[in-house]
């Protein structure tokens, strides 16, 4: 069986998967197609995981504008005296819609494309309905990697994922990245696609899935800056940052 045959008739694509595909084909094969366990730890995700859980719980049980509620939630997470945690909440509060009709947190969106036979999925950190907009939020605890979300394939896919649902309700779509780290002063420019943008995104996705199905080489990028953060750097023959694998021990 050829490697290209590993991608079945209905392929699944996600924002993180598209980002991986753009960075390194070998990493995409190992992580998204073969779904191998990581051989290397990769970048730390503790802050991101905590911030997502904190904000989800904060909104699920109350409001980020209720100081007593914020204190209770931080205490429940064992972070009452943690300035980093309080900073995450405060920086989010300044961006949080003050009035909204509906909200969802850690919500999984999915949309099937019958023509190209792929399923697009994405876990949205927050989805707010307010002021005629479906407002998709993606919380970030690192440094910005893009200036305009209109140029980020992850944000473009997130917009496409909710576009049909928004259209049925007569709503526009807006995707925004919220950078919660104190050293980041401004968020990238939000993305509010029009019909032409959404058609272009769909065409891009069809073309990308076609390229994934046609891929046979699955060559690694061999770039140290990319390889040093890869979860498979020590087992990849093209890695520019070789190391010792730390496979899980039974």
Foldseek 3Di string as FASTA:
>chain_A
DFLLPLQDQAAEAALVLVVCVVAALLLSCCCPRVNPPFQADFDDCVVVVVLLVLVQVLVVVHDLPDVVSNCVSCVVVVRNPPPLNVLLSVLVNVVDDPDFDDKDAQDKFWDADVVLRYIYIYGFGMWTHDPQEGETEAEAADDDPDQACLPRLNLLSVLLRCVVVSVVVRGWYKYWYRHRHPVDDDTHHIDTDDPVSSVVSVVVVSVVVVVSSVDRPSATPLDQVSLVRRSHQQPHPSHVDHDGTDDDDD
